[in-house]
């Protein structure tokens, strides 16, 4: 194809030659060659077709991925190689597609608790094995122009327990210089063997960054890492910046004003910085937050779209249409001023010592094998005018009210339905005692606190780092909201949230 400066919106040109053939093969399948621009609806259709159905949540294990890798190896379309083993002996695999002259490496989950891009890579593997769906010419383009090397789970030991670091408690993304870990050595060895011209370093980041000058969380964070302390821009880094400009343009179609840049201070220990130094135009993609997308399935789709689109633009050479200035225009991540719940100007004092102030609340995830529960706490209080939340309340005419424990206990978590729990909440009861039940950790999704101990203590006063279980009432003492374990619930609206709680 050569280095033709085409926008992805003109990808239809690549499809047009095979339009008639594909329509003849199957008139029932979606035809991606009949539009000058692939719309988000068309991308959504493509993603829905190839989304890996066995992976539905973030806390999947190495065994899940290795089974899928084995399946893809048996298809013969992706070439699978075992490139080594982790510190605890789990296999690390590389899947290769295409025989073109442009070499690309993508590695994901070098931090075990950052799995969003891994899910998207599994979806892309399914796409690469597809056929007769209107997108055969895309697969042929990638196959002919690129040689793509995927490492979908570099840190399987960390993934096993949903932990950032490897089994030796080392951060793999701080091991590019010393190469002290077996996993770091494997990645560096593959970089030396493949000598890629392009690299994609795929991560997740905190959901609490915001896009400056907006109240939006950063959904996708990007970076063309610096290869030296001076942050110089040579052709290699410049090409990464142009690819990112294309990524930013694509994300805009899904979530406007949701992209920011990661800090570009040079890290001599980081793999992205070193790949850039080794001559691979390297793009860092960090999956952040999106309201309502707790398991990051929408962000998974966005990853599928932007990674596949970037590969197409590399194959075409069409990333060169973008200007480095477009990358420079992307704002840096805003400070962590985003919270799960932000309550503005709430009265939380006493009649003797009144206090009307702002409250910021966050929820921490605690892993329980393949699931998790949360613990909500007060992150900050005081003058927080610059803060924001995924859920917000203006408390100017409202005040804090302490909750109560339901007078009747239950024998089992299954004794309560979500509707019954919600009815108790509306009556001012935010906790119920479990008389008996299964010993040990017990998770539930009910909108109420369930406890075993002799007494439950609702939040009667707001303390920094303290619990977040209280009501918010209006001037007539009517209960308007409840903050339950860090979740904000509007008592006047139907219950639509999903809760991740545990018996206390």
Protein backbone atom coordinates (compact mmCIF):
# COMPACT_ATOMS: atom_id res chain seq x y z
CA UNK A 1 0.00 0.00 0.00
CA UNK A 2 2.92 2.37 0.65
CA UNK A 3 2.73 5.30 3.01
CA UNK A 4 -0.53 6.74 1.75
CA UNK A 5 -2.00 9.55 3.83
CA UNK A 6 -5.58 8.38 4.15
CA UNK A 7 -7.92 8.95 7.08
CA UNK A 8 -9.59 5.93 8.57
CA UNK A 9 -12.84 7.45 7.45
CA UNK A 10 -11.80 6.49 3.92
CA UNK A 11 -11.19 2.84 4.79
CA UNK A 12 -14.20 2.10 2.57
CA UNK A 13 -11.84 2.46 -0.38
CA UNK A 14 -10.07 -0.67 0.86
CA UNK A 15 -13.37 -2.54 0.96
CA UNK A 16 -14.88 -1.40 -2.32
CA UNK A 17 -13.02 -3.86 -4.54
CA UNK A 18 -14.50 -6.81 -2.68
CA UNK A 19 -17.97 -5.38 -2.07
CA UNK A 20 -19.78 -7.34 -4.75
CA UNK A 21 -18.08 -10.62 -3.84
CA UNK A 22 -18.81 -10.28 -0.13
CA UNK A 23 -22.44 -9.34 -0.76
CA UNK A 24 -22.82 -12.42 -2.96
CA UNK A 25 -21.25 -14.70 -0.31
CA UNK A 26 -23.64 -13.62 2.43
CA UNK A 27 -26.27 -10.95 1.96
CA UNK A 28 -27.33 -11.43 5.60
CA UNK A 29 -24.02 -10.20 7.05
CA UNK A 30 -23.23 -6.57 7.78
CA UNK A 31 -21.45 -5.01 4.82
CA UNK A 32 -18.74 -2.59 5.91
CA UNK A 33 -18.01 -1.44 2.36
CA UNK A 34 -21.16 0.55 1.70
CA UNK A 35 -20.22 3.71 3.62
CA UNK A 36 -17.51 6.31 3.16
CA UNK A 37 -16.96 6.33 6.91
CA UNK A 38 -17.19 3.59 9.48
CA UNK A 39 -19.61 4.96 12.05
CA UNK A 40 -19.59 4.12 15.73
CA UNK A 41 -22.62 1.92 15.02
CA UNK A 42 -20.62 -0.06 12.47
CA UNK A 43 -17.72 -0.39 14.87
CA UNK A 44 -20.16 -1.48 17.58
CA UNK A 45 -21.49 -4.18 15.27
CA UNK A 46 -17.98 -5.41 14.54
CA UNK A 47 -17.12 -5.49 18.23
CA UNK A 48 -20.34 -7.30 19.15
CA UNK A 49 -19.54 -9.95 16.56
CA UNK A 50 -16.04 -10.64 17.85
CA UNK A 51 -16.24 -9.88 21.58
CA UNK A 52 -14.81 -12.90 23.40
CA UNK A 53 -17.87 -14.28 25.23
CA UNK A 54 -15.98 -16.22 27.92
CA UNK A 55 -14.42 -13.05 29.37
CA UNK A 56 -17.06 -10.87 31.02
CA UNK A 57 -15.32 -9.44 34.08
CA UNK A 58 -11.92 -7.94 34.86
CA UNK A 59 -10.71 -10.59 37.31
CA UNK A 60 -10.06 -13.38 34.86
CA UNK A 61 -7.13 -15.73 35.41
CA UNK A 62 -4.14 -17.01 33.48
CA UNK A 63 -5.98 -20.28 32.87
CA UNK A 64 -8.75 -18.38 31.06
CA UNK A 65 -6.31 -16.62 28.76
CA UNK A 66 -4.10 -19.66 28.16
CA UNK A 67 -7.14 -21.73 27.11
CA UNK A 68 -8.10 -19.07 24.58
CA UNK A 69 -4.50 -18.78 23.35
CA UNK A 70 -4.44 -22.55 22.80
CA UNK A 71 -7.69 -22.31 20.82
CA UNK A 72 -6.29 -19.55 18.62
CA UNK A 73 -3.13 -21.56 18.04
CA UNK A 74 -5.19 -24.46 16.78
CA UNK A 75 -6.87 -22.23 14.18
CA UNK A 76 -3.57 -21.71 12.40
CA UNK A 77 -4.27 -18.07 11.59
CA UNK A 78 -2.40 -16.68 14.57
CA UNK A 79 0.98 -18.24 15.21
CA UNK A 80 1.36 -19.02 18.92
CA UNK A 81 4.70 -19.38 20.70
CA UNK A 82 5.45 -19.98 24.37
CA UNK A 83 8.13 -17.35 25.00
CA UNK A 84 8.82 -18.19 28.64
CA UNK A 85 7.35 -18.59 32.09
CA UNK A 86 6.64 -16.29 35.02
CA UNK A 87 8.34 -16.43 38.40
CA UNK A 88 5.70 -18.93 39.55
CA UNK A 89 5.93 -20.97 36.36
CA UNK A 90 2.90 -19.72 34.43
CA UNK A 91 3.33 -19.66 30.66
CA UNK A 92 3.75 -16.38 28.78
CA UNK A 93 2.62 -16.55 25.17
CA UNK A 94 3.12 -14.47 22.06
CA UNK A 95 0.69 -14.53 19.15
CA UNK A 96 1.85 -13.35 15.72
CA UNK A 97 -0.24 -12.27 12.75
CA UNK A 98 0.86 -11.22 9.27
CA UNK A 99 4.02 -11.36 7.20
CA UNK A 100 4.46 -7.72 6.26
CA UNK A 101 7.57 -5.60 6.54
CA UNK A 102 6.32 -3.31 9.34
CA UNK A 103 6.77 -4.98 12.72
CA UNK A 104 4.51 -4.07 15.63
CA UNK A 105 4.63 -5.28 19.25
CA UNK A 106 1.76 -4.99 21.71
CA UNK A 107 2.04 -6.12 25.33
CA UNK A 108 -0.68 -6.00 27.95
CA UNK A 109 -1.15 -6.65 31.67
CA UNK A 110 2.44 -6.19 32.75
CA UNK A 111 0.56 -4.95 35.80
CA UNK A 112 -1.67 -7.81 36.89
CA UNK A 113 -4.58 -5.60 37.95
CA UNK A 114 -4.73 -3.73 34.63
CA UNK A 115 -6.67 -6.10 32.33
CA UNK A 116 -8.83 -3.90 30.08
CA UNK A 117 -6.57 -4.04 27.02
CA UNK A 118 -6.08 -7.79 27.48
CA UNK A 119 -9.81 -8.23 26.98
CA UNK A 120 -9.64 -6.09 23.83
CA UNK A 121 -6.71 -8.09 22.44
CA UNK A 122 -8.70 -11.30 22.88
CA UNK A 123 -11.51 -9.66 20.89
CA UNK A 124 -9.03 -8.59 18.19
CA UNK A 125 -7.76 -12.18 17.93
CA UNK A 126 -11.33 -13.27 17.17
CA UNK A 127 -11.61 -10.53 14.54
CA UNK A 128 -8.39 -11.59 12.85
CA UNK A 129 -9.80 -15.11 12.53
CA UNK A 130 -13.09 -13.87 11.06
CA UNK A 131 -14.11 -13.96 7.43
CA UNK A 132 -16.92 -13.09 5.02
CA UNK A 133 -18.15 -10.26 7.23
CA UNK A 134 -17.36 -7.29 5.00
CA UNK A 135 -13.96 -6.73 6.64
CA UNK A 136 -11.79 -9.32 4.86
CA UNK A 137 -9.90 -6.57 3.08
CA UNK A 138 -8.91 -5.09 6.46
CA UNK A 139 -7.49 -8.42 7.58
CA UNK A 140 -5.67 -8.78 4.27
CA UNK A 141 -4.25 -5.27 4.63
CA UNK A 142 -2.92 -6.05 8.10
CA UNK A 143 -1.59 -9.44 7.02
CA UNK A 144 0.23 -8.07 3.98
CA UNK A 145 1.64 -4.90 5.49
CA UNK A 146 2.30 -5.79 9.13
CA UNK A 147 3.89 -8.45 11.27
CA UNK A 148 2.04 -8.04 14.59
CA UNK A 149 3.37 -9.58 17.81
CA UNK A 150 0.89 -9.72 20.70
CA UNK A 151 1.81 -10.57 24.31
CA UNK A 152 -1.61 -10.51 25.99
CA UNK A 153 -0.61 -11.25 29.62
CA UNK A 154 2.97 -10.46 30.59
CA UNK A 155 2.38 -10.73 34.36
CA UNK A 156 0.22 -13.85 34.88
CA UNK A 157 1.23 -14.17 38.55
CA UNK A 158 -0.02 -10.67 39.31
CA UNK A 159 -3.19 -11.34 37.31
CA UNK A 160 -3.85 -14.47 39.37
CA UNK A 161 -4.34 -12.39 42.53
CA UNK A 162 -5.28 -9.13 40.77
CA UNK A 163 -2.12 -7.42 41.94
CA UNK A 164 -0.05 -4.73 40.22
CA UNK A 165 3.34 -6.32 40.83
CA UNK A 166 4.73 -9.72 39.98
CA UNK A 167 5.15 -12.65 42.39
CA UNK A 168 8.44 -11.17 43.59
CA UNK A 169 6.73 -7.84 44.39
CA UNK A 170 8.58 -6.04 41.59
CA UNK A 171 6.88 -3.53 39.29
CA UNK A 172 7.67 -4.91 35.83
CA UNK A 173 7.34 -1.49 34.25
CA UNK A 174 10.26 -0.30 36.39
CA UNK A 175 12.53 -3.15 35.32
CA UNK A 176 13.51 -2.21 31.76
CA UNK A 177 16.95 -0.99 32.79
CA UNK A 178 18.08 -3.57 35.37
CA UNK A 179 16.11 -6.54 33.96
CA UNK A 180 16.03 -8.31 37.31
CA UNK A 181 12.74 -10.17 36.72
CA UNK A 182 12.14 -13.13 34.46
CA UNK A 183 9.12 -11.36 32.93
CA UNK A 184 11.12 -8.20 32.21
CA UNK A 185 13.88 -10.25 30.60
CA UNK A 186 11.31 -12.01 28.40
CA UNK A 187 9.87 -8.72 27.11
CA UNK A 188 13.31 -7.23 26.48
CA UNK A 189 14.45 -10.40 24.69
CA UNK A 190 11.41 -10.34 22.42
CA UNK A 191 12.02 -6.67 21.63
CA UNK A 192 15.60 -7.52 20.69
CA UNK A 193 14.53 -10.47 18.54
CA UNK A 194 11.61 -8.78 16.76
CA UNK A 195 13.09 -5.27 16.51
CA UNK A 196 9.65 -3.66 16.10
CA UNK A 197 9.13 -0.33 14.38
CA UNK A 198 6.00 0.30 16.48
CA UNK A 199 5.06 -0.59 20.04
CA UNK A 200 1.90 -0.43 22.16
CA UNK A 201 2.28 -0.46 25.95
CA UNK A 202 -1.19 -1.23 27.30
CA UNK A 203 -2.28 -0.38 30.84
CA UNK A 204 -5.09 0.80 33.14
CA UNK A 205 -4.85 3.92 35.27
CA UNK A 206 -6.72 5.40 38.22
CA UNK A 207 -10.36 6.23 37.54
CA UNK A 208 -9.96 9.45 39.54
CA UNK A 209 -8.07 11.58 37.00
CA UNK A 210 -10.13 14.20 35.21
CA UNK A 211 -9.78 16.06 31.93
CA UNK A 212 -8.70 19.63 32.76
CA UNK A 213 -11.34 22.36 32.32
CA UNK A 214 -14.08 19.69 32.41
CA UNK A 215 -15.80 17.51 35.00
CA UNK A 216 -15.12 14.42 32.88
CA UNK A 217 -13.07 11.47 34.06
CA UNK A 218 -10.17 10.51 31.80
CA UNK A 219 -11.44 7.47 29.91
CA UNK A 220 -8.32 6.98 27.78
CA UNK A 221 -4.93 8.36 28.74
CA UNK A 222 -2.13 8.35 26.16
CA UNK A 223 1.57 9.08 25.93
CA UNK A 224 4.42 9.04 23.46
CA UNK A 225 7.10 8.30 26.08
CA UNK A 226 10.27 10.36 26.08
CA UNK A 227 13.45 8.51 25.13
CA UNK A 228 15.71 10.98 26.97
CA UNK A 229 15.54 13.42 29.88
CA UNK A 230 15.31 16.37 27.49
CA UNK A 231 12.08 14.95 26.04
CA UNK A 232 13.36 15.48 22.51
CA UNK A 233 11.13 14.60 19.57
CA UNK A 234 12.83 12.61 16.84
CA UNK A 235 11.10 10.79 13.98
CA UNK A 236 10.44 7.73 16.13
CA UNK A 237 8.71 9.61 18.93
CA UNK A 238 7.05 11.96 16.44
CA UNK A 239 5.39 9.03 14.70
CA UNK A 240 4.05 7.83 18.05
CA UNK A 241 2.59 11.28 18.62
CA UNK A 242 0.86 11.17 15.23
CA UNK A 243 -0.62 7.75 15.96
CA UNK A 244 -1.94 9.10 19.25
CA UNK A 245 -3.55 12.04 17.46
CA UNK A 246 -5.52 9.47 15.45
CA UNK A 247 -6.46 7.61 18.64
CA UNK A 248 -7.70 10.83 20.23
CA UNK A 249 -9.84 11.54 17.17
CA UNK A 250 -11.42 8.09 17.37
CA UNK A 251 -12.14 8.24 21.11
CA UNK A 252 -13.90 11.58 20.57
CA UNK A 253 -16.55 9.72 18.57
CA UNK A 254 -17.40 7.62 21.62
CA UNK A 255 -16.73 9.84 24.61
CA UNK A 256 -16.12 13.52 23.84
CA UNK A 257 -13.50 15.31 25.93
CA UNK A 258 -12.34 12.11 27.62
CA UNK A 259 -8.69 11.87 26.52
CA UNK A 260 -5.66 13.23 28.35
CA UNK A 261 -1.90 12.71 28.25
CA UNK A 262 0.10 10.90 30.87
CA UNK A 263 3.08 12.67 32.44
CA UNK A 264 5.96 12.58 29.93
CA UNK A 265 8.86 12.86 32.38
CA UNK A 266 11.50 10.42 31.14
CA UNK A 267 11.71 7.21 33.15
CA UNK A 268 14.94 5.31 32.47
CA UNK A 269 13.39 2.25 34.16
CA UNK A 270 10.19 2.22 32.09
CA UNK A 271 9.67 -0.12 29.17
CA UNK A 272 7.80 2.43 27.06
CA UNK A 273 10.65 4.93 27.34
CA UNK A 274 13.18 2.25 26.44
CA UNK A 275 11.20 0.88 23.51
CA UNK A 276 11.15 4.46 22.20
CA UNK A 277 14.92 4.65 22.70
CA UNK A 278 15.35 1.30 20.96
CA UNK A 279 13.71 2.72 17.83
CA UNK A 280 10.08 1.59 18.15
CA UNK A 281 7.48 4.36 17.87
CA UNK A 282 5.80 3.52 21.16
CA UNK A 283 2.30 4.44 22.26
CA UNK A 284 1.14 4.14 25.86
CA UNK A 285 -2.60 3.57 26.23
CA UNK A 286 -4.06 3.71 29.75
CA UNK A 287 -7.70 2.78 30.33
CA UNK A 288 -9.22 5.06 32.97
CA UNK A 289 -12.79 5.60 34.10
CA UNK A 290 -16.27 5.94 32.61
CA UNK A 291 -19.40 6.38 34.70
CA UNK A 292 -21.42 3.19 35.01
CA UNK A 293 -18.70 1.04 33.44
CA UNK A 294 -17.45 -0.73 36.56
CA UNK A 295 -16.21 -3.81 34.70
CA UNK A 296 -14.82 -1.60 31.90
CA UNK A 297 -16.74 -3.36 29.14
CA UNK A 298 -17.43 -0.10 27.29
CA UNK A 299 -13.78 0.91 27.65
CA UNK A 300 -12.89 -2.58 26.42
CA UNK A 301 -14.81 -1.80 23.24
CA UNK A 302 -13.06 1.55 22.89
CA UNK A 303 -9.72 -0.27 23.21
CA UNK A 304 -10.78 -2.71 20.49
CA UNK A 305 -11.63 0.19 18.19
CA UNK A 306 -8.60 2.40 18.81
CA UNK A 307 -6.04 -0.41 18.71
CA UNK A 308 -7.46 -1.94 15.54
CA UNK A 309 -7.80 1.50 13.95
CA UNK A 310 -4.19 2.36 14.87
CA UNK A 311 -2.95 -0.89 13.32
CA UNK A 312 -4.84 -0.08 10.12
CA UNK A 313 -3.35 3.40 10.02
CA UNK A 314 0.14 2.00 10.52
CA UNK A 315 -0.49 -0.50 7.70
CA UNK A 316 -1.68 2.30 5.43
CA UNK A 317 0.84 4.86 6.59
CA UNK A 318 -2.17 7.11 7.06
CA UNK A 319 -1.14 8.14 10.59
CA UNK A 320 1.18 10.59 8.84
CA UNK A 321 -1.81 12.78 8.02
CA UNK A 322 -1.76 13.94 11.65
CA UNK A 323 0.42 16.68 13.02
CA UNK A 324 2.53 16.54 16.17
CA UNK A 325 0.78 19.73 17.24
CA UNK A 326 -2.46 17.74 17.54
CA UNK A 327 -0.76 15.53 20.10
CA UNK A 328 0.62 18.53 21.95
CA UNK A 329 -2.90 19.95 22.16
CA UNK A 330 -4.11 16.99 24.24
CA UNK A 331 -4.18 18.12 27.90
CA UNK A 332 -2.25 16.33 30.60
CA UNK A 333 -4.16 14.29 33.18
CA UNK A 334 -5.79 16.56 35.72
CA UNK A 335 -5.04 15.99 39.39
CA UNK A 336 -7.01 13.27 41.17
CA UNK A 337 -9.93 15.57 41.97
CA UNK A 338 -12.51 13.07 40.73
CA UNK A 339 -14.32 11.05 43.40
CA UNK A 340 -17.04 8.41 43.45
CA UNK A 341 -19.36 10.75 45.34
CA UNK A 342 -19.03 14.50 45.82
CA UNK A 343 -21.44 16.32 48.13
CA UNK A 344 -21.30 20.09 48.04
CA UNK A 345 -22.08 22.35 50.99
CA UNK A 346 -23.72 19.82 53.32
CA UNK A 347 -24.52 20.63 56.95
CA UNK A 348 -22.65 18.02 59.03
CA UNK A 349 -22.11 19.87 62.32
CA UNK A 350 -24.17 20.09 65.49
CA UNK A 351 -26.54 22.70 66.86
CA UNK A 352 -23.74 23.87 69.13
CA UNK A 353 -21.01 23.86 66.45
CA UNK A 354 -22.54 24.01 62.94
CA UNK A 355 -20.45 23.13 59.89
CA UNK A 356 -21.58 23.31 56.29
CA UNK A 357 -18.87 21.96 54.03
CA UNK A 358 -17.97 19.76 51.04
CA UNK A 359 -17.43 16.00 51.31
CA UNK A 360 -15.53 13.75 48.88
CA UNK A 361 -16.07 9.98 49.08
CA UNK A 362 -14.29 7.12 47.38
CA UNK A 363 -14.71 3.36 47.21
CA UNK A 364 -11.78 0.94 47.35
CA UNK A 365 -12.06 -2.44 45.61
CA UNK A 366 -11.06 -5.53 47.58
CA UNK A 367 -10.47 -8.62 45.48
CA UNK A 368 -12.13 -11.91 46.40
CA UNK A 369 -10.90 -14.47 43.87
CA UNK A 370 -12.81 -13.60 40.67
CA UNK A 371 -15.04 -11.06 42.36
CA UNK A 372 -14.65 -8.04 44.61
CA UNK A 373 -16.37 -5.97 47.27
CA UNK A 374 -15.93 -2.29 48.07
CA UNK A 375 -15.28 -0.23 51.16
CA UNK A 376 -16.43 3.37 51.04
CA UNK A 377 -14.65 6.04 53.04
CA UNK A 378 -14.40 9.81 53.40
CA UNK A 379 -11.49 10.86 51.21
CA UNK A 380 -11.61 14.57 52.04
CA UNK A 381 -13.77 17.34 53.48
CA UNK A 382 -13.58 21.12 53.66
CA UNK A 383 -13.42 23.64 50.82
CA UNK A 384 -13.36 21.32 47.80
CA UNK A 385 -14.74 23.64 45.12
CA UNK A 386 -12.40 22.22 42.46
CA UNK A 387 -13.44 18.63 43.18
CA UNK A 388 -16.04 16.60 41.30
CA UNK A 389 -17.68 13.20 41.42
CA UNK A 390 -19.12 10.45 39.27
CA UNK A 391 -22.22 11.14 41.38
CA UNK A 392 -22.86 14.58 42.86
CA UNK A 393 -25.31 16.23 45.25
CA UNK A 394 -25.81 19.90 46.00
CA UNK A 395 -26.33 19.85 49.75
CA UNK A 396 -26.96 23.56 50.20
CA UNK A 397 -30.38 22.99 51.78
CA UNK A 398 -29.63 19.54 53.17
CA UNK A 399 -28.09 18.04 56.29
CA UNK A 400 -26.62 14.77 57.56
CA UNK A 401 -28.81 12.27 59.40
CA UNK A 402 -27.53 9.13 61.07
CA UNK A 403 -29.06 5.84 59.97
CA UNK A 404 -30.58 3.04 62.04
CA UNK A 405 -30.45 -0.74 62.23
CA UNK A 406 -33.58 -2.63 61.20
CA UNK A 407 -35.44 -4.05 64.24
CA UNK A 408 -35.81 -7.50 62.66
CA UNK A 409 -32.77 -9.65 61.89
CA UNK A 410 -32.51 -12.13 59.01
CA UNK A 411 -31.33 -15.73 58.98
CA UNK A 412 -29.78 -15.61 55.54
CA UNK A 413 -28.76 -13.04 52.94
CA UNK A 414 -31.26 -14.72 50.63
CA UNK A 415 -34.06 -13.69 53.01
CA UNK A 416 -33.92 -10.18 51.56
CA UNK A 417 -34.64 -9.10 48.01
CA UNK A 418 -33.21 -5.90 46.55
CA UNK A 419 -36.67 -4.30 46.66
CA UNK A 420 -37.14 -5.21 50.33
CA UNK A 421 -33.71 -3.82 51.17
CA UNK A 422 -34.55 -0.62 49.31
CA UNK A 423 -37.79 -0.31 51.27
CA UNK A 424 -35.82 -0.57 54.51
CA UNK A 425 -33.47 2.16 53.26
CA UNK A 426 -36.40 4.46 52.60
CA UNK A 427 -37.53 3.96 56.20
CA UNK A 428 -34.17 5.06 57.57
CA UNK A 429 -32.71 1.58 58.12
CA UNK A 430 -29.36 1.22 56.41
CA UNK A 431 -28.26 -1.98 58.15
CA UNK A 432 -29.76 -5.34 59.08
CA UNK A 433 -28.29 -8.00 61.35
CA UNK A 434 -27.59 -11.51 60.05
CA UNK A 435 -28.64 -13.90 62.82
CA UNK A 436 -26.82 -16.85 61.32
CA UNK A 437 -25.33 -17.67 57.96
CA UNK A 438 -22.16 -18.81 56.25
CA UNK A 439 -18.99 -18.11 58.17
CA UNK A 440 -16.18 -16.24 56.48
CA UNK A 441 -16.32 -13.76 53.64
CA UNK A 442 -19.77 -13.47 52.09
CA UNK A 443 -20.41 -11.06 49.23
CA UNK A 444 -23.79 -9.67 48.28
CA UNK A 445 -25.32 -7.11 45.95
CA UNK A 446 -28.09 -5.82 48.20
CA UNK A 447 -28.51 -2.06 48.78
CA UNK A 448 -28.09 -2.37 52.55
CA UNK A 449 -25.36 -3.14 55.04
CA UNK A 450 -25.59 -6.67 56.49
CA UNK A 451 -23.62 -7.41 59.65
CA UNK A 452 -22.93 -10.35 61.97
CA UNK A 453 -21.33 -8.62 64.94
CA UNK A 454 -23.28 -7.46 67.96
CA UNK A 455 -23.66 -3.89 66.77
CA UNK A 456 -23.47 -1.88 63.54
CA UNK A 457 -22.23 1.68 63.84
CA UNK A 458 -23.60 4.04 61.17
CA UNK A 459 -21.70 7.20 60.36
CA UNK A 460 -22.84 9.75 62.91
CA UNK A 461 -20.11 12.27 62.14
CA UNK A 462 -17.90 12.83 59.11
CA UNK A 463 -14.26 12.03 59.81
CA UNK A 464 -11.35 12.01 57.38
CA UNK A 465 -10.80 8.38 56.41
CA UNK A 466 -13.97 7.40 58.24
CA UNK A 467 -16.92 5.32 57.10
CA UNK A 468 -19.50 6.50 54.58
CA UNK A 469 -22.90 5.23 55.79
CA UNK A 470 -25.36 8.06 56.40
CA UNK A 471 -28.53 9.77 55.18
CA UNK A 472 -29.01 13.22 53.69
CA UNK A 473 -32.28 14.95 54.60
CA UNK A 474 -33.97 18.22 53.67
CA UNK A 475 -35.10 20.99 56.03
CA UNK A 476 -38.29 19.07 56.88
CA UNK A 477 -36.16 16.01 57.79
CA UNK A 478 -37.41 14.07 54.80
CA UNK A 479 -34.75 11.56 53.75
CA UNK A 480 -33.59 12.45 50.25
CA UNK A 481 -30.40 10.41 49.74
CA UNK A 482 -28.43 7.70 51.45
CA UNK A 483 -24.69 7.17 51.21
CA UNK A 484 -24.31 3.43 51.65
CA UNK A 485 -20.75 2.07 51.82
CA UNK A 486 -19.69 4.90 49.51
CA UNK A 487 -22.57 4.50 47.04
CA UNK A 488 -24.96 7.42 46.57
CA UNK A 489 -28.63 6.37 46.31
CA UNK A 490 -31.42 8.79 45.43
CA UNK A 491 -34.37 7.60 47.51
CA UNK A 492 -36.89 9.27 45.18
CA UNK A 493 -35.87 7.27 42.12
CA UNK A 494 -36.09 3.61 41.15
CA UNK A 495 -33.06 1.56 42.12
CA UNK A 496 -30.82 0.98 39.09
CA UNK A 497 -27.33 0.64 40.56
CA UNK A 498 -25.26 -2.48 41.04
CA UNK A 499 -23.69 -2.91 44.47
CA UNK A 500 -20.61 -4.83 45.55
CA UNK A 501 -20.92 -5.29 49.31
CA UNK A 502 -20.01 -7.95 51.84
CA UNK A 503 -21.39 -9.14 55.16
CA UNK A 504 -19.58 -7.29 57.94
